[in-house]
Each structure stands twice: as structure tokens, then as C-alpha cells.
mmCIF file of all heavy atoms, coordinates in Angstrom:
data_MODEL
# 
_entry.id   MODEL 
# 
loop_
_atom_site.group_PDB 
_atom_site.id 
_atom_site.type_symbol 
_atom_site.label_atom_id 
_atom_site.label_alt_id 
_atom_site.label_comp_id 
_atom_site.label_asym_id 
_atom_site.label_entity_id 
_atom_site.label_seq_id 
_atom_site.pdbx_PDB_ins_code 
_atom_site.Cartn_x 
_atom_site.Cartn_y 
_atom_site.Cartn_z 
_atom_site.occupancy 
_atom_site.B_iso_or_equiv 
_atom_site.pdbx_formal_charge 
_atom_site.auth_seq_id 
_atom_site.auth_comp_id 
_atom_site.auth_asym_id 
_atom_site.auth_atom_id 
_atom_site.pdbx_PDB_model_num 
ATOM 1   N N   . VAL A 1 1  ? -43.645 -29.617 -6.511  1.00 0.00 ? 1  VAL A N   1 
ATOM 2   C CA  . VAL A 1 1  ? -44.389 -28.666 -7.336  1.00 0.00 ? 1  VAL A CA  1 
ATOM 3   C C   . VAL A 1 1  ? -43.850 -28.652 -8.765  1.00 0.00 ? 1  VAL A C   1 
ATOM 4   O O   . VAL A 1 1  ? -44.625 -28.542 -9.727  1.00 0.00 ? 1  VAL A O   1 
ATOM 5   C CB  . VAL A 1 1  ? -44.310 -27.256 -6.702  1.00 0.00 ? 1  VAL A CB  1 
ATOM 6   C CG1 . VAL A 1 1  ? -44.690 -26.187 -7.718  1.00 0.00 ? 1  VAL A CG1 1 
ATOM 7   C CG2 . VAL A 1 1  ? -45.229 -27.161 -5.502  1.00 0.00 ? 1  VAL A CG2 1 
ATOM 8   N N   . VAL A 1 2  ? -42.536 -28.786 -8.932  1.00 0.00 ? 2  VAL A N   1 
ATOM 9   C CA  . VAL A 1 2  ? -41.937 -28.671 -10.266 1.00 0.00 ? 2  VAL A CA  1 
ATOM 10  C C   . VAL A 1 2  ? -42.489 -29.720 -11.234 1.00 0.00 ? 2  VAL A C   1 
ATOM 11  O O   . VAL A 1 2  ? -42.927 -29.381 -12.341 1.00 0.00 ? 2  VAL A O   1 
ATOM 12  C CB  . VAL A 1 2  ? -40.401 -28.738 -10.172 1.00 0.00 ? 2  VAL A CB  1 
ATOM 13  C CG1 . VAL A 1 2  ? -39.783 -28.723 -11.571 1.00 0.00 ? 2  VAL A CG1 1 
ATOM 14  C CG2 . VAL A 1 2  ? -39.867 -27.572 -9.347  1.00 0.00 ? 2  VAL A CG2 1 
ATOM 15  N N   . PRO A 1 3  ? -42.528 -31.034 -10.884 1.00 0.00 ? 3  PRO A N   1 
ATOM 16  C CA  . PRO A 1 3  ? -43.107 -32.016 -11.832 1.00 0.00 ? 3  PRO A CA  1 
ATOM 17  C C   . PRO A 1 3  ? -44.597 -31.829 -12.069 1.00 0.00 ? 3  PRO A C   1 
ATOM 18  O O   . PRO A 1 3  ? -45.138 -32.371 -13.029 1.00 0.00 ? 3  PRO A O   1 
ATOM 19  C CB  . PRO A 1 3  ? -42.820 -33.369 -11.150 1.00 0.00 ? 3  PRO A CB  1 
ATOM 20  C CG  . PRO A 1 3  ? -41.765 -33.099 -10.142 1.00 0.00 ? 3  PRO A CG  1 
ATOM 21  C CD  . PRO A 1 3  ? -41.965 -31.706 -9.700  1.00 0.00 ? 3  PRO A CD  1 
ATOM 22  N N   . GLU A 1 4  ? -45.246 -31.076 -11.191 1.00 0.00 ? 4  GLU A N   1 
ATOM 23  C CA  . GLU A 1 4  ? -46.679 -30.827 -11.364 1.00 0.00 ? 4  GLU A CA  1 
ATOM 24  C C   . GLU A 1 4  ? -46.949 -30.020 -12.633 1.00 0.00 ? 4  GLU A C   1 
ATOM 25  O O   . GLU A 1 4  ? -47.981 -30.195 -13.286 1.00 0.00 ? 4  GLU A O   1 
ATOM 26  C CB  . GLU A 1 4  ? -47.213 -30.085 -10.138 1.00 0.00 ? 4  GLU A CB  1 
ATOM 27  C CG  . GLU A 1 4  ? -48.707 -29.852 -10.129 1.00 0.00 ? 4  GLU A CG  1 
ATOM 28  C CD  . GLU A 1 4  ? -49.484 -31.119 -9.834  1.00 0.00 ? 4  GLU A CD  1 
ATOM 29  O OE1 . GLU A 1 4  ? -48.895 -32.073 -9.282  1.00 0.00 ? 4  GLU A OE1 1 
ATOM 30  O OE2 . GLU A 1 4  ? -50.679 -31.149 -10.163 1.00 0.00 ? 4  GLU A OE2 1 
ATOM 31  N N   . TYR A 1 5  ? -46.031 -29.120 -12.993 1.00 0.00 ? 5  TYR A N   1 
ATOM 32  C CA  . TYR A 1 5  ? -46.228 -28.248 -14.144 1.00 0.00 ? 5  TYR A CA  1 
ATOM 33  C C   . TYR A 1 5  ? -45.247 -28.528 -15.280 1.00 0.00 ? 5  TYR A C   1 
ATOM 34  O O   . TYR A 1 5  ? -45.423 -27.996 -16.377 1.00 0.00 ? 5  TYR A O   1 
ATOM 35  C CB  . TYR A 1 5  ? -46.108 -26.781 -13.711 1.00 0.00 ? 5  TYR A CB  1 
ATOM 36  C CG  . TYR A 1 5  ? -47.129 -26.398 -12.679 1.00 0.00 ? 5  TYR A CG  1 
ATOM 37  C CD1 . TYR A 1 5  ? -46.793 -26.315 -11.322 1.00 0.00 ? 5  TYR A CD1 1 
ATOM 38  C CD2 . TYR A 1 5  ? -48.451 -26.158 -13.027 1.00 0.00 ? 5  TYR A CD2 1 
ATOM 39  C CE1 . TYR A 1 5  ? -47.731 -25.984 -10.365 1.00 0.00 ? 5  TYR A CE1 1 
ATOM 40  C CE2 . TYR A 1 5  ? -49.397 -25.826 -12.084 1.00 0.00 ? 5  TYR A CE2 1 
ATOM 41  C CZ  . TYR A 1 5  ? -49.031 -25.743 -10.750 1.00 0.00 ? 5  TYR A CZ  1 
ATOM 42  O OH  . TYR A 1 5  ? -49.978 -25.423 -9.818  1.00 0.00 ? 5  TYR A OH  1 
ATOM 43  N N   . CYS A 1 6  ? -44.229 -29.341 -15.031 1.00 0.00 ? 6  CYS A N   1 
ATOM 44  C CA  . CYS A 1 6  ? -43.241 -29.688 -16.069 1.00 0.00 ? 6  CYS A CA  1 
ATOM 45  C C   . CYS A 1 6  ? -43.175 -31.207 -16.169 1.00 0.00 ? 6  CYS A C   1 
ATOM 46  O O   . CYS A 1 6  ? -42.668 -31.874 -15.256 1.00 0.00 ? 6  CYS A O   1 
ATOM 47  C CB  . CYS A 1 6  ? -41.861 -29.117 -15.724 1.00 0.00 ? 6  CYS A CB  1 
ATOM 48  S SG  . CYS A 1 6  ? -41.842 -27.322 -15.549 1.00 0.00 ? 6  CYS A SG  1 
ATOM 49  N N   . LYS A 1 7  ? -43.727 -31.735 -17.246 1.00 0.00 ? 7  LYS A N   1 
ATOM 50  C CA  . LYS A 1 7  ? -43.751 -33.181 -17.408 1.00 0.00 ? 7  LYS A CA  1 
ATOM 51  C C   . LYS A 1 7  ? -42.351 -33.739 -17.650 1.00 0.00 ? 7  LYS A C   1 
ATOM 52  O O   . LYS A 1 7  ? -42.061 -34.874 -17.278 1.00 0.00 ? 7  LYS A O   1 
ATOM 53  C CB  . LYS A 1 7  ? -44.678 -33.561 -18.569 1.00 0.00 ? 7  LYS A CB  1 
ATOM 54  C CG  . LYS A 1 7  ? -46.096 -33.035 -18.416 1.00 0.00 ? 7  LYS A CG  1 
ATOM 55  C CD  . LYS A 1 7  ? -46.729 -33.496 -17.112 1.00 0.00 ? 7  LYS A CD  1 
ATOM 56  C CE  . LYS A 1 7  ? -48.143 -32.952 -16.957 1.00 0.00 ? 7  LYS A CE  1 
ATOM 57  N NZ  . LYS A 1 7  ? -48.719 -33.294 -15.644 1.00 0.00 ? 7  LYS A NZ  1 
ATOM 58  N N   . ILE A 1 8  ? -41.498 -32.966 -18.289 1.00 0.00 ? 8  ILE A N   1 
ATOM 59  C CA  . ILE A 1 8  ? -40.113 -33.370 -18.547 1.00 0.00 ? 8  ILE A CA  1 
ATOM 60  C C   . ILE A 1 8  ? -39.210 -32.352 -17.856 1.00 0.00 ? 8  ILE A C   1 
ATOM 61  O O   . ILE A 1 8  ? -39.334 -31.150 -18.063 1.00 0.00 ? 8  ILE A O   1 
ATOM 62  C CB  . ILE A 1 8  ? -39.800 -33.404 -20.056 1.00 0.00 ? 8  ILE A CB  1 
ATOM 63  C CG1 . ILE A 1 8  ? -40.778 -34.333 -20.782 1.00 0.00 ? 8  ILE A CG1 1 
ATOM 64  C CG2 . ILE A 1 8  ? -38.372 -33.871 -20.294 1.00 0.00 ? 8  ILE A CG2 1 
ATOM 65  C CD1 . ILE A 1 8  ? -40.652 -34.307 -22.279 1.00 0.00 ? 8  ILE A CD1 1 
ATOM 66  N N   . LEU A 1 9  ? -38.307 -32.852 -17.033 1.00 0.00 ? 9  LEU A N   1 
ATOM 67  C CA  . LEU A 1 9  ? -37.441 -31.953 -16.265 1.00 0.00 ? 9  LEU A CA  1 
ATOM 68  C C   . LEU A 1 9  ? -36.228 -31.572 -17.107 1.00 0.00 ? 9  LEU A C   1 
ATOM 69  O O   . LEU A 1 9  ? -35.100 -32.017 -16.885 1.00 0.00 ? 9  LEU A O   1 
ATOM 70  C CB  . LEU A 1 9  ? -37.015 -32.633 -14.963 1.00 0.00 ? 9  LEU A CB  1 
ATOM 71  C CG  . LEU A 1 9  ? -38.162 -32.975 -14.002 1.00 0.00 ? 9  LEU A CG  1 
ATOM 72  C CD1 . LEU A 1 9  ? -37.644 -33.676 -12.771 1.00 0.00 ? 9  LEU A CD1 1 
ATOM 73  C CD2 . LEU A 1 9  ? -38.931 -31.721 -13.627 1.00 0.00 ? 9  LEU A CD2 1 
ATOM 74  N N   . GLU A 1 10 ? -36.489 -30.739 -18.090 1.00 0.00 ? 10 GLU A N   1 
ATOM 75  C CA  . GLU A 1 10 ? -35.446 -30.235 -18.963 1.00 0.00 ? 10 GLU A CA  1 
ATOM 76  C C   . GLU A 1 10 ? -35.521 -28.717 -19.017 1.00 0.00 ? 10 GLU A C   1 
ATOM 77  O O   . GLU A 1 10 ? -36.538 -28.114 -18.650 1.00 0.00 ? 10 GLU A O   1 
ATOM 78  C CB  . GLU A 1 10 ? -35.579 -30.826 -20.370 1.00 0.00 ? 10 GLU A CB  1 
ATOM 79  C CG  . GLU A 1 10 ? -35.325 -32.320 -20.438 1.00 0.00 ? 10 GLU A CG  1 
ATOM 80  C CD  . GLU A 1 10 ? -35.436 -32.861 -21.848 1.00 0.00 ? 10 GLU A CD  1 
ATOM 81  O OE1 . GLU A 1 10 ? -35.846 -32.077 -22.744 1.00 0.00 ? 10 GLU A OE1 1 
ATOM 82  O OE2 . GLU A 1 10 ? -35.139 -34.048 -22.067 1.00 0.00 ? 10 GLU A OE2 1 
ATOM 83  N N   . GLU A 1 11 ? -34.460 -28.119 -19.534 1.00 0.00 ? 11 GLU A N   1 
ATOM 84  C CA  . GLU A 1 11 ? -34.348 -26.661 -19.528 1.00 0.00 ? 11 GLU A CA  1 
ATOM 85  C C   . GLU A 1 11 ? -35.476 -25.997 -20.313 1.00 0.00 ? 11 GLU A C   1 
ATOM 86  O O   . GLU A 1 11 ? -36.085 -25.025 -19.851 1.00 0.00 ? 11 GLU A O   1 
ATOM 87  C CB  . GLU A 1 11 ? -32.982 -26.259 -20.090 1.00 0.00 ? 11 GLU A CB  1 
ATOM 88  C CG  . GLU A 1 11 ? -32.719 -24.760 -20.095 1.00 0.00 ? 11 GLU A CG  1 
ATOM 89  C CD  . GLU A 1 11 ? -31.316 -24.419 -20.527 1.00 0.00 ? 11 GLU A CD  1 
ATOM 90  O OE1 . GLU A 1 11 ? -30.462 -25.331 -20.516 1.00 0.00 ? 11 GLU A OE1 1 
ATOM 91  O OE2 . GLU A 1 11 ? -31.079 -23.251 -20.872 1.00 0.00 ? 11 GLU A OE2 1 
ATOM 92  N N   . THR A 1 12 ? -35.770 -26.519 -21.509 1.00 0.00 ? 12 THR A N   1 
ATOM 93  C CA  . THR A 1 12 ? -36.819 -25.902 -22.333 1.00 0.00 ? 12 THR A CA  1 
ATOM 94  C C   . THR A 1 12 ? -38.179 -25.990 -21.662 1.00 0.00 ? 12 THR A C   1 
ATOM 95  O O   . THR A 1 12 ? -38.975 -25.043 -21.721 1.00 0.00 ? 12 THR A O   1 
ATOM 96  C CB  . THR A 1 12 ? -36.872 -26.589 -23.703 1.00 0.00 ? 12 THR A CB  1 
ATOM 97  O OG1 . THR A 1 12 ? -37.042 -28.005 -23.514 1.00 0.00 ? 12 THR A OG1 1 
ATOM 98  C CG2 . THR A 1 12 ? -35.588 -26.362 -24.476 1.00 0.00 ? 12 THR A CG2 1 
ATOM 99  N N   . GLU A 1 13 ? -38.465 -27.112 -21.007 1.00 0.00 ? 13 GLU A N   1 
ATOM 100 C CA  . GLU A 1 13 ? -39.758 -27.278 -20.333 1.00 0.00 ? 13 GLU A CA  1 
ATOM 101 C C   . GLU A 1 13 ? -39.869 -26.328 -19.144 1.00 0.00 ? 13 GLU A C   1 
ATOM 102 O O   . GLU A 1 13 ? -40.942 -25.754 -18.888 1.00 0.00 ? 13 GLU A O   1 
ATOM 103 C CB  . GLU A 1 13 ? -39.901 -28.731 -19.877 1.00 0.00 ? 13 GLU A CB  1 
ATOM 104 C CG  . GLU A 1 13 ? -41.252 -29.069 -19.288 1.00 0.00 ? 13 GLU A CG  1 
ATOM 105 C CD  . GLU A 1 13 ? -42.325 -29.287 -20.335 1.00 0.00 ? 13 GLU A CD  1 
ATOM 106 O OE1 . GLU A 1 13 ? -41.997 -29.286 -21.538 1.00 0.00 ? 13 GLU A OE1 1 
ATOM 107 O OE2 . GLU A 1 13 ? -43.494 -29.450 -19.957 1.00 0.00 ? 13 GLU A OE2 1 
ATOM 108 N N   . ILE A 1 14 ? -38.773 -26.148 -18.396 1.00 0.00 ? 14 ILE A N   1 
ATOM 109 C CA  . ILE A 1 14 ? -38.794 -25.227 -17.257 1.00 0.00 ? 14 ILE A CA  1 
ATOM 110 C C   . ILE A 1 14 ? -39.064 -23.801 -17.725 1.00 0.00 ? 14 ILE A C   1 
ATOM 111 O O   . ILE A 1 14 ? -39.888 -23.074 -17.148 1.00 0.00 ? 14 ILE A O   1 
ATOM 112 C CB  . ILE A 1 14 ? -37.460 -25.292 -16.493 1.00 0.00 ? 14 ILE A CB  1 
ATOM 113 C CG1 . ILE A 1 14 ? -37.234 -26.693 -15.909 1.00 0.00 ? 14 ILE A CG1 1 
ATOM 114 C CG2 . ILE A 1 14 ? -37.405 -24.238 -15.395 1.00 0.00 ? 14 ILE A CG2 1 
ATOM 115 C CD1 . ILE A 1 14 ? -38.182 -27.087 -14.824 1.00 0.00 ? 14 ILE A CD1 1 
ATOM 116 N N   . LEU A 1 15 ? -38.389 -23.382 -18.792 1.00 0.00 ? 15 LEU A N   1 
ATOM 117 C CA  . LEU A 1 15 ? -38.572 -22.017 -19.304 1.00 0.00 ? 15 LEU A CA  1 
ATOM 118 C C   . LEU A 1 15 ? -39.972 -21.809 -19.848 1.00 0.00 ? 15 LEU A C   1 
ATOM 119 O O   . LEU A 1 15 ? -40.551 -20.727 -19.716 1.00 0.00 ? 15 LEU A O   1 
ATOM 120 C CB  . LEU A 1 15 ? -37.524 -21.722 -20.385 1.00 0.00 ? 15 LEU A CB  1 
ATOM 121 C CG  . LEU A 1 15 ? -36.062 -21.706 -19.906 1.00 0.00 ? 15 LEU A CG  1 
ATOM 122 C CD1 . LEU A 1 15 ? -35.125 -21.506 -21.087 1.00 0.00 ? 15 LEU A CD1 1 
ATOM 123 C CD2 . LEU A 1 15 ? -35.846 -20.613 -18.864 1.00 0.00 ? 15 LEU A CD2 1 
ATOM 124 N N   . GLU A 1 16 ? -40.525 -22.846 -20.465 1.00 0.00 ? 16 GLU A N   1 
ATOM 125 C CA  . GLU A 1 16 ? -41.866 -22.719 -21.043 1.00 0.00 ? 16 GLU A CA  1 
ATOM 126 C C   . GLU A 1 16 ? -42.928 -22.556 -19.964 1.00 0.00 ? 16 GLU A C   1 
ATOM 127 O O   . GLU A 1 16 ? -43.933 -21.870 -20.164 1.00 0.00 ? 16 GLU A O   1 
ATOM 128 C CB  . GLU A 1 16 ? -42.170 -23.951 -21.894 1.00 0.00 ? 16 GLU A CB  1 
ATOM 129 C CG  . GLU A 1 16 ? -43.495 -23.855 -22.639 1.00 0.00 ? 16 GLU A CG  1 
ATOM 130 C CD  . GLU A 1 16 ? -43.726 -25.053 -23.534 1.00 0.00 ? 16 GLU A CD  1 
ATOM 131 O OE1 . GLU A 1 16 ? -42.764 -25.828 -23.758 1.00 0.00 ? 16 GLU A OE1 1 
ATOM 132 O OE2 . GLU A 1 16 ? -44.854 -25.213 -24.016 1.00 0.00 ? 16 GLU A OE2 1 
ATOM 133 N N   . ASN A 1 17 ? -42.723 -23.180 -18.811 1.00 0.00 ? 17 ASN A N   1 
ATOM 134 C CA  . ASN A 1 17 ? -43.705 -23.112 -17.720 1.00 0.00 ? 17 ASN A CA  1 
ATOM 135 C C   . ASN A 1 17 ? -43.202 -22.256 -16.559 1.00 0.00 ? 17 ASN A C   1 
ATOM 136 O O   . ASN A 1 17 ? -43.594 -22.471 -15.408 1.00 0.00 ? 17 ASN A O   1 
ATOM 137 C CB  . ASN A 1 17 ? -44.018 -24.524 -17.210 1.00 0.00 ? 17 ASN A CB  1 
ATOM 138 C CG  . ASN A 1 17 ? -44.649 -25.399 -18.269 1.00 0.00 ? 17 ASN A CG  1 
ATOM 139 O OD1 . ASN A 1 17 ? -45.835 -25.320 -18.530 1.00 0.00 ? 17 ASN A OD1 1 
ATOM 140 N ND2 . ASN A 1 17 ? -43.844 -26.236 -18.900 1.00 0.00 ? 17 ASN A ND2 1 
ATOM 141 N N   . SER A 1 18 ? -42.341 -21.296 -16.856 1.00 0.00 ? 18 SER A N   1 
ATOM 142 C CA  . SER A 1 18 ? -41.719 -20.515 -15.793 1.00 0.00 ? 18 SER A CA  1 
ATOM 143 C C   . SER A 1 18 ? -42.724 -19.699 -14.988 1.00 0.00 ? 18 SER A C   1 
ATOM 144 O O   . SER A 1 18 ? -42.621 -19.608 -13.759 1.00 0.00 ? 18 SER A O   1 
ATOM 145 C CB  . SER A 1 18 ? -40.653 -19.585 -16.394 1.00 0.00 ? 18 SER A CB  1 
ATOM 146 O OG  . SER A 1 18 ? -41.229 -18.739 -17.390 1.00 0.00 ? 18 SER A OG  1 
ATOM 147 N N   . PHE A 1 19 ? -43.709 -19.121 -15.664 1.00 0.00 ? 19 PHE A N   1 
ATOM 148 C CA  . PHE A 1 19 ? -44.672 -18.290 -14.936 1.00 0.00 ? 19 PHE A CA  1 
ATOM 149 C C   . PHE A 1 19 ? -45.507 -19.120 -13.971 1.00 0.00 ? 19 PHE A C   1 
ATOM 150 O O   . PHE A 1 19 ? -45.770 -18.712 -12.832 1.00 0.00 ? 19 PHE A O   1 
ATOM 151 C CB  . PHE A 1 19 ? -45.573 -17.533 -15.916 1.00 0.00 ? 19 PHE A CB  1 
ATOM 152 C CG  . PHE A 1 19 ? -44.893 -16.353 -16.557 1.00 0.00 ? 19 PHE A CG  1 
ATOM 153 C CD1 . PHE A 1 19 ? -44.435 -16.431 -17.858 1.00 0.00 ? 19 PHE A CD1 1 
ATOM 154 C CD2 . PHE A 1 19 ? -44.692 -15.184 -15.852 1.00 0.00 ? 19 PHE A CD2 1 
ATOM 155 C CE1 . PHE A 1 19 ? -43.804 -15.353 -18.453 1.00 0.00 ? 19 PHE A CE1 1 
ATOM 156 C CE2 . PHE A 1 19 ? -44.064 -14.096 -16.428 1.00 0.00 ? 19 PHE A CE2 1 
ATOM 157 C CZ  . PHE A 1 19 ? -43.611 -14.187 -17.734 1.00 0.00 ? 19 PHE A CZ  1 
ATOM 158 N N   . GLN A 1 20 ? -45.937 -20.314 -14.411 1.00 0.00 ? 20 GLN A N   1 
ATOM 159 C CA  . GLN A 1 20 ? -46.717 -21.178 -13.523 1.00 0.00 ? 20 GLN A CA  1 
ATOM 160 C C   . GLN A 1 20 ? -45.889 -21.575 -12.308 1.00 0.00 ? 20 GLN A C   1 
ATOM 161 O O   . GLN A 1 20 ? -46.390 -21.616 -11.175 1.00 0.00 ? 20 GLN A O   1 
ATOM 162 C CB  . GLN A 1 20 ? -47.174 -22.434 -14.290 1.00 0.00 ? 20 GLN A CB  1 
ATOM 163 C CG  . GLN A 1 20 ? -48.200 -22.173 -15.374 1.00 0.00 ? 20 GLN A CG  1 
ATOM 164 C CD  . GLN A 1 20 ? -49.602 -21.989 -14.820 1.00 0.00 ? 20 GLN A CD  1 
ATOM 165 O OE1 . GLN A 1 20 ? -49.778 -21.791 -13.642 1.00 0.00 ? 20 GLN A OE1 1 
ATOM 166 N NE2 . GLN A 1 20 ? -50.600 -22.039 -15.686 1.00 0.00 ? 20 GLN A NE2 1 
ATOM 167 N N   . LEU A 1 21 ? -44.609 -21.869 -12.518 1.00 0.00 ? 21 LEU A N   1 
ATOM 168 C CA  . LEU A 1 21 ? -43.747 -22.253 -11.406 1.00 0.00 ? 21 LEU A CA  1 
ATOM 169 C C   . LEU A 1 21 ? -43.549 -21.093 -10.436 1.00 0.00 ? 21 LEU A C   1 
ATOM 170 O O   . LEU A 1 21 ? -43.589 -21.276 -9.212  1.00 0.00 ? 21 LEU A O   1 
ATOM 171 C CB  . LEU A 1 21 ? -42.396 -22.729 -11.940 1.00 0.00 ? 21 LEU A CB  1 
ATOM 172 C CG  . LEU A 1 21 ? -42.406 -24.058 -12.701 1.00 0.00 ? 21 LEU A CG  1 
ATOM 173 C CD1 . LEU A 1 21 ? -41.054 -24.311 -13.348 1.00 0.00 ? 21 LEU A CD1 1 
ATOM 174 C CD2 . LEU A 1 21 ? -42.766 -25.208 -11.777 1.00 0.00 ? 21 LEU A CD2 1 
ATOM 175 N N   . LEU A 1 22 ? -43.354 -19.890 -10.965 1.00 0.00 ? 22 LEU A N   1 
ATOM 176 C CA  . LEU A 1 22 ? -43.169 -18.726 -10.089 1.00 0.00 ? 22 LEU A CA  1 
ATOM 177 C C   . LEU A 1 22 ? -44.421 -18.445 -9.268  1.00 0.00 ? 22 LEU A C   1 
ATOM 178 O O   . LEU A 1 22 ? -44.347 -18.104 -8.090  1.00 0.00 ? 22 LEU A O   1 
ATOM 179 C CB  . LEU A 1 22 ? -42.789 -17.505 -10.924 1.00 0.00 ? 22 LEU A CB  1 
ATOM 180 C CG  . LEU A 1 22 ? -41.391 -17.540 -11.566 1.00 0.00 ? 22 LEU A CG  1 
ATOM 181 C CD1 . LEU A 1 22 ? -41.182 -16.337 -12.451 1.00 0.00 ? 22 LEU A CD1 1 
ATOM 182 C CD2 . LEU A 1 22 ? -40.313 -17.602 -10.494 1.00 0.00 ? 22 LEU A CD2 1 
ATOM 183 N N   . PHE A 1 23 ? -45.593 -18.596 -9.905  1.00 0.00 ? 23 PHE A N   1 
ATOM 184 C CA  . PHE A 1 23 ? -46.839 -18.408 -9.160  1.00 0.00 ? 23 PHE A CA  1 
ATOM 185 C C   . PHE A 1 23 ? -46.951 -19.444 -8.041  1.00 0.00 ? 23 PHE A C   1 
ATOM 186 O O   . PHE A 1 23 ? -47.383 -19.127 -6.925  1.00 0.00 ? 23 PHE A O   1 
ATOM 187 C CB  . PHE A 1 23 ? -48.039 -18.520 -10.097 1.00 0.00 ? 23 PHE A CB  1 
ATOM 188 C CG  . PHE A 1 23 ? -48.135 -17.393 -11.086 1.00 0.00 ? 23 PHE A CG  1 
ATOM 189 C CD1 . PHE A 1 23 ? -48.730 -17.591 -12.334 1.00 0.00 ? 23 PHE A CD1 1 
ATOM 190 C CD2 . PHE A 1 23 ? -47.637 -16.145 -10.788 1.00 0.00 ? 23 PHE A CD2 1 
ATOM 191 C CE1 . PHE A 1 23 ? -48.805 -16.562 -13.252 1.00 0.00 ? 23 PHE A CE1 1 
ATOM 192 C CE2 . PHE A 1 23 ? -47.719 -15.106 -11.704 1.00 0.00 ? 23 PHE A CE2 1 
ATOM 193 C CZ  . PHE A 1 23 ? -48.301 -15.310 -12.935 1.00 0.00 ? 23 PHE A CZ  1 
ATOM 194 N N   . ALA A 1 24 ? -46.559 -20.693 -8.342  1.00 0.00 ? 24 ALA A N   1 
ATOM 195 C CA  . ALA A 1 24 ? -46.617 -21.744 -7.322  1.00 0.00 ? 24 ALA A CA  1 
ATOM 196 C C   . ALA A 1 24 ? -45.621 -21.466 -6.202  1.00 0.00 ? 24 ALA A C   1 
ATOM 197 O O   . ALA A 1 24 ? -45.916 -21.684 -5.017  1.00 0.00 ? 24 ALA A O   1 
ATOM 198 C CB  . ALA A 1 24 ? -46.334 -23.101 -7.965  1.00 0.00 ? 24 ALA A CB  1 
ATOM 199 N N   . PHE A 1 25 ? -44.428 -20.965 -6.549  1.00 0.00 ? 25 PHE A N   1 
ATOM 200 C CA  . PHE A 1 25 ? -43.451 -20.620 -5.519  1.00 0.00 ? 25 PHE A CA  1 
ATOM 201 C C   . PHE A 1 25 ? -44.013 -19.557 -4.571  1.00 0.00 ? 25 PHE A C   1 
ATOM 202 O O   . PHE A 1 25 ? -43.783 -19.606 -3.353  1.00 0.00 ? 25 PHE A O   1 
ATOM 203 C CB  . PHE A 1 25 ? -42.167 -20.097 -6.164  1.00 0.00 ? 25 PHE A CB  1 
ATOM 204 C CG  . PHE A 1 25 ? -41.349 -21.159 -6.868  1.00 0.00 ? 25 PHE A CG  1 
ATOM 205 C CD1 . PHE A 1 25 ? -40.177 -20.839 -7.532  1.00 0.00 ? 25 PHE A CD1 1 
ATOM 206 C CD2 . PHE A 1 25 ? -41.772 -22.490 -6.883  1.00 0.00 ? 25 PHE A CD2 1 
ATOM 207 C CE1 . PHE A 1 25 ? -39.422 -21.808 -8.164  1.00 0.00 ? 25 PHE A CE1 1 
ATOM 208 C CE2 . PHE A 1 25 ? -41.026 -23.469 -7.532  1.00 0.00 ? 25 PHE A CE2 1 
ATOM 209 C CZ  . PHE A 1 25 ? -39.855 -23.126 -8.181  1.00 0.00 ? 25 PHE A CZ  1 
ATOM 210 N N   . ASP A 1 26 ? -44.724 -18.581 -5.128  1.00 0.00 ? 26 ASP A N   1 
ATOM 211 C CA  . ASP A 1 26 ? -45.305 -17.523 -4.295  1.00 0.00 ? 26 ASP A CA  1 
ATOM 212 C C   . ASP A 1 26 ? -46.375 -18.044 -3.347  1.00 0.00 ? 26 ASP A C   1 
ATOM 213 O O   . ASP A 1 26 ? -46.646 -17.433 -2.304  1.00 0.00 ? 26 ASP A O   1 
ATOM 214 C CB  . ASP A 1 26 ? -45.897 -16.419 -5.179  1.00 0.00 ? 26 ASP A CB  1 
ATOM 215 C CG  . ASP A 1 26 ? -44.813 -15.543 -5.795  1.00 0.00 ? 26 ASP A CG  1 
ATOM 216 O OD1 . ASP A 1 26 ? -43.679 -15.584 -5.288  1.00 0.00 ? 26 ASP A OD1 1 
ATOM 217 O OD2 . ASP A 1 26 ? -45.096 -14.844 -6.772  1.00 0.00 ? 26 ASP A OD2 1 
ATOM 218 N N   . GLU A 1 27 ? -47.035 -19.154 -3.730  1.00 0.00 ? 27 GLU A N   1 
ATOM 219 C CA  . GLU A 1 27 ? -48.028 -19.742 -2.829  1.00 0.00 ? 27 GLU A CA  1 
ATOM 220 C C   . GLU A 1 27 ? -47.362 -20.467 -1.666  1.00 0.00 ? 27 GLU A C   1 
ATOM 221 O O   . GLU A 1 27 ? -47.956 -20.611 -0.601  1.00 0.00 ? 27 GLU A O   1 
ATOM 222 C CB  . GLU A 1 27 ? -48.933 -20.716 -3.595  1.00 0.00 ? 27 GLU A CB  1 
ATOM 223 C CG  . GLU A 1 27 ? -49.772 -20.089 -4.685  1.00 0.00 ? 27 GLU A CG  1 
ATOM 224 C CD  . GLU A 1 27 ? -50.779 -19.094 -4.150  1.00 0.00 ? 27 GLU A CD  1 
ATOM 225 O OE1 . GLU A 1 27 ? -51.127 -19.201 -2.956  1.00 0.00 ? 27 GLU A OE1 1 
ATOM 226 O OE2 . GLU A 1 27 ? -51.212 -18.206 -4.911  1.00 0.00 ? 27 GLU A OE2 1 
ATOM 227 N N   . ILE A 1 28 ? -46.131 -20.942 -1.863  1.00 0.00 ? 28 ILE A N   1 
ATOM 228 C CA  . ILE A 1 28 ? -45.438 -21.685 -0.804  1.00 0.00 ? 28 ILE A CA  1 
ATOM 229 C C   . ILE A 1 28 ? -44.792 -20.736 0.203   1.00 0.00 ? 28 ILE A C   1 
ATOM 230 O O   . ILE A 1 28 ? -44.847 -20.961 1.410   1.00 0.00 ? 28 ILE A O   1 
ATOM 231 C CB  . ILE A 1 28 ? -44.369 -22.615 -1.428  1.00 0.00 ? 28 ILE A CB  1 
ATOM 232 C CG1 . ILE A 1 28 ? -45.028 -23.612 -2.397  1.00 0.00 ? 28 ILE A CG1 1 
ATOM 233 C CG2 . ILE A 1 28 ? -43.610 -23.368 -0.341  1.00 0.00 ? 28 ILE A CG2 1 
ATOM 234 C CD1 . ILE A 1 28 ? -44.048 -24.468 -3.154  1.00 0.00 ? 28 ILE A CD1 1 
# 
């Protein structure tokens, strides 16, 4: 799921897409 919303696996990219990742975590 993480590469699905973060094209680059870096800290800034994770923080920028944090809400999308949290929503995806809630679906799992």
C-alpha cells in the first residue's frame, strides 16, 4: 500500500501523503 501513494520512499513523501496512508491502513 505504501508505494501506491508514495512514489519515493522518503520521509518528506511519507509526511506529504500521510492522510492517504492512514485512510488505507484503516481499510486493511
